[in-house]
Amino acid sequence: MSSLLQASGTRVGVNRSIRVAIADRHENFRVACKRILELESDIEMVSESSTGFGLSPLLDLMKADVLLFDEKIWEAEGQESFKSIREQFPNLKILYMVSSEDWTGSLEAMQLGVNGVIEKGRNTAHLPKAIRKIVDGELWMSRKLTSALMQAELERG
């Protein structure tokens, strides 16, 4: 394994899949993500949870590289489960998933250490690309989200 990707302490070998965990309250969405990721030869779904609080033991056991974290869990549990995960797994890449038209929480999530924000639903097709980008050490945010957040900042003055 001579060629390795280095991303803020996370080492993912060329011959090893990117290991993904998901925390989302909706089983149907978790299944849809799993189906999308099954089509990718370099990405593997390793664990899932309907809460953030129940995820830490799974993350430790499965050695996930990326966590898909739903905004509704953030809203329901507050920031505590997220902060706990971030403290326990500082090298874990986190992709914050939003479904609402109010993306102001996305800025707060990025300030607390998420590596990207992705819209759920029709843009979930971008999920594999977003995962690869954050593993490579880049931040990920769709153009639509970037535009909306910039507009909100401009309006705040």
Protein backbone atom coordinates (compact mmCIF):
# COMPACT_ATOMS: atom_id res chain seq x y z
CA MET A 1 0.00 0.00 0.00
CA SER A 2 2.45 2.61 -1.15
CA SER A 3 -0.01 5.27 -2.19
CA LEU A 4 -2.02 6.82 0.64
CA LEU A 5 -4.38 9.75 0.90
CA GLN A 6 -3.57 11.93 3.89
CA ALA A 7 -6.42 14.04 5.26
CA SER A 8 -5.94 15.63 8.67
CA GLY A 9 -4.78 12.44 10.33
CA THR A 10 -7.17 10.13 8.51
CA ARG A 11 -5.29 7.68 6.33
CA VAL A 12 -7.28 5.90 3.68
CA GLY A 13 -5.31 3.50 1.55
CA VAL A 14 -5.95 3.14 -2.15
CA ASN A 15 -6.92 -0.49 -1.60
CA ARG A 16 -9.15 0.27 1.40
CA SER A 17 -12.65 1.63 1.18
CA ILE A 18 -13.70 4.87 2.81
CA ARG A 19 -15.71 3.69 5.80
CA VAL A 20 -18.94 5.63 6.35
CA ALA A 21 -21.34 5.74 9.31
CA ILE A 22 -24.70 7.51 9.26
CA ALA A 23 -26.79 9.08 12.00
CA ASP A 24 -30.26 9.86 10.65
CA ARG A 25 -33.66 9.46 12.29
CA HIS A 26 -35.31 8.12 9.14
CA GLU A 27 -34.66 4.51 8.24
CA ASN A 28 -35.77 5.05 4.64
CA PHE A 29 -33.15 7.75 4.16
CA ARG A 30 -30.44 5.56 5.70
CA VAL A 31 -31.42 2.79 3.29
CA ALA A 32 -31.33 5.21 0.33
CA CYS A 33 -27.83 6.39 1.32
CA LYS A 34 -26.69 2.80 1.66
CA ARG A 35 -27.97 2.03 -1.85
CA ILE A 36 -26.20 5.05 -3.33
CA LEU A 37 -22.94 4.15 -1.62
CA GLU A 38 -23.15 0.45 -2.58
CA LEU A 39 -22.61 1.55 -6.19
CA GLU A 40 -19.22 3.02 -5.27
CA SER A 41 -16.26 0.64 -5.22
CA ASP A 42 -14.25 2.83 -2.83
CA ILE A 43 -16.95 3.65 -0.24
CA GLU A 44 -18.47 1.28 2.31
CA MET A 45 -21.34 1.91 4.77
CA VAL A 46 -20.17 0.36 8.05
CA SER A 47 -22.71 1.46 10.67
CA GLU A 48 -25.90 3.41 11.22
CA SER A 49 -27.85 4.90 14.07
CA SER A 50 -31.11 6.77 14.51
CA THR A 51 -29.49 8.97 17.20
CA GLY A 52 -26.22 10.73 17.71
CA PHE A 53 -25.83 9.54 21.29
CA GLY A 54 -25.93 5.88 20.26
CA LEU A 55 -23.25 6.26 17.63
CA SER A 56 -19.98 6.59 19.58
CA PRO A 57 -19.54 2.87 20.34
CA LEU A 58 -20.25 2.02 16.70
CA LEU A 59 -17.78 4.60 15.43
CA ASP A 60 -15.09 3.19 17.70
CA LEU A 61 -15.84 -0.42 16.77
CA MET A 62 -16.17 0.13 13.02
CA LYS A 63 -13.35 2.70 12.66
CA ALA A 64 -15.40 4.95 10.39
CA ASP A 65 -13.63 7.60 8.32
CA VAL A 66 -16.76 9.69 7.65
CA LEU A 67 -19.95 10.36 9.58
CA LEU A 68 -23.11 11.55 7.84
CA PHE A 69 -24.91 13.56 10.55
CA ASP A 70 -28.54 14.66 10.11
CA GLU A 71 -29.60 18.18 11.09
CA LYS A 72 -32.74 16.79 12.77
CA ILE A 73 -30.59 14.84 15.23
CA TRP A 74 -28.64 18.04 15.89
CA GLU A 75 -31.94 19.84 16.55
CA ALA A 76 -33.42 17.06 18.70
CA GLU A 77 -30.35 16.33 20.81
CA GLY A 78 -28.73 19.73 20.77
CA GLN A 79 -25.06 20.03 20.09
CA GLU A 80 -24.05 17.68 22.89
CA SER A 81 -23.98 14.43 20.90
CA PHE A 82 -22.11 16.17 18.09
CA LYS A 83 -19.57 17.73 20.46
CA SER A 84 -19.05 14.37 22.17
CA ILE A 85 -18.40 12.65 18.84
CA ARG A 86 -16.05 15.44 17.72
CA GLU A 87 -14.07 15.17 21.00
CA GLN A 88 -13.83 11.37 20.90
CA PHE A 89 -12.97 11.19 17.19
CA PRO A 90 -11.06 14.34 16.22
CA ASN A 91 -9.93 12.88 12.86
CA LEU A 92 -13.42 11.76 11.83
CA LYS A 93 -14.74 13.67 8.83
CA ILE A 94 -18.32 14.84 9.33
CA LEU A 95 -20.80 15.66 6.58
CA TYR A 96 -23.79 17.58 7.97
CA MET A 97 -27.00 16.75 6.09
CA VAL A 98 -29.75 19.37 5.78
CA SER A 99 -33.26 19.10 4.40
CA SER A 100 -34.83 22.41 5.31
CA GLU A 101 -34.73 25.76 3.54
CA ASP A 102 -33.23 27.36 6.67
CA TRP A 103 -29.52 26.71 6.42
CA THR A 104 -28.40 29.04 9.19
CA GLY A 105 -27.60 26.05 11.40
CA SER A 106 -25.10 24.97 8.76
CA LEU A 107 -22.79 27.86 9.61
CA GLU A 108 -22.90 26.96 13.28
CA ALA A 109 -22.19 23.32 12.42
CA MET A 110 -19.17 24.34 10.34
CA GLN A 111 -17.89 26.53 13.18
CA LEU A 112 -18.10 23.47 15.46
CA GLY A 113 -16.08 21.30 13.10
CA VAL A 114 -18.15 19.68 10.36
CA ASN A 115 -16.21 19.21 7.15
CA GLY A 116 -19.11 19.77 4.80
CA VAL A 117 -22.81 20.38 4.39
CA ILE A 118 -24.98 18.53 1.89
CA GLU A 119 -28.65 18.82 1.03
CA LYS A 120 -30.76 15.73 1.50
CA GLY A 121 -33.13 14.69 -1.24
CA ARG A 122 -32.51 15.50 -4.86
CA ASN A 123 -28.87 16.42 -4.32
CA THR A 124 -28.03 13.19 -2.51
CA ALA A 125 -26.53 12.02 -5.81
CA HIS A 126 -23.58 14.24 -4.86
CA LEU A 127 -23.03 12.19 -1.71
CA PRO A 128 -20.10 10.05 -2.99
CA LYS A 129 -18.31 13.12 -4.37
CA ALA A 130 -18.83 15.04 -1.12
CA ILE A 131 -17.47 12.11 0.91
CA ARG A 132 -14.35 11.86 -1.24
CA LYS A 133 -13.75 15.62 -1.07
CA ILE A 134 -13.89 15.81 2.72
CA VAL A 135 -11.66 12.74 3.06
CA ASP A 136 -9.17 14.55 0.81
CA GLY A 137 -9.19 17.44 3.31
CA GLU A 138 -11.48 19.81 1.42
CA LEU A 139 -14.62 21.48 2.72
CA TRP A 140 -17.81 20.58 0.88
CA MET A 141 -20.87 22.74 0.35
CA SER A 142 -23.18 22.82 -2.64
CA ARG A 143 -23.43 25.98 -4.74
CA LYS A 144 -27.04 26.44 -3.66
CA LEU A 145 -26.13 26.31 0.02
CA THR A 146 -23.12 28.56 -0.48
CA SER A 147 -25.27 31.14 -2.28
CA ALA A 148 -28.00 31.00 0.37
CA LEU A 149 -25.54 31.42 3.24
CA MET A 150 -23.74 34.28 1.50
CA GLN A 151 -27.06 36.02 0.81
CA ALA A 152 -28.09 35.62 4.46
CA GLU A 153 -24.78 37.13 5.60
CA LEU A 154 -25.16 40.05 3.19
CA GLU A 155 -28.69 40.73 4.44
CA ARG A 156 -27.46 40.74 8.05
CA GLY A 157 -25.12 43.55 7.03
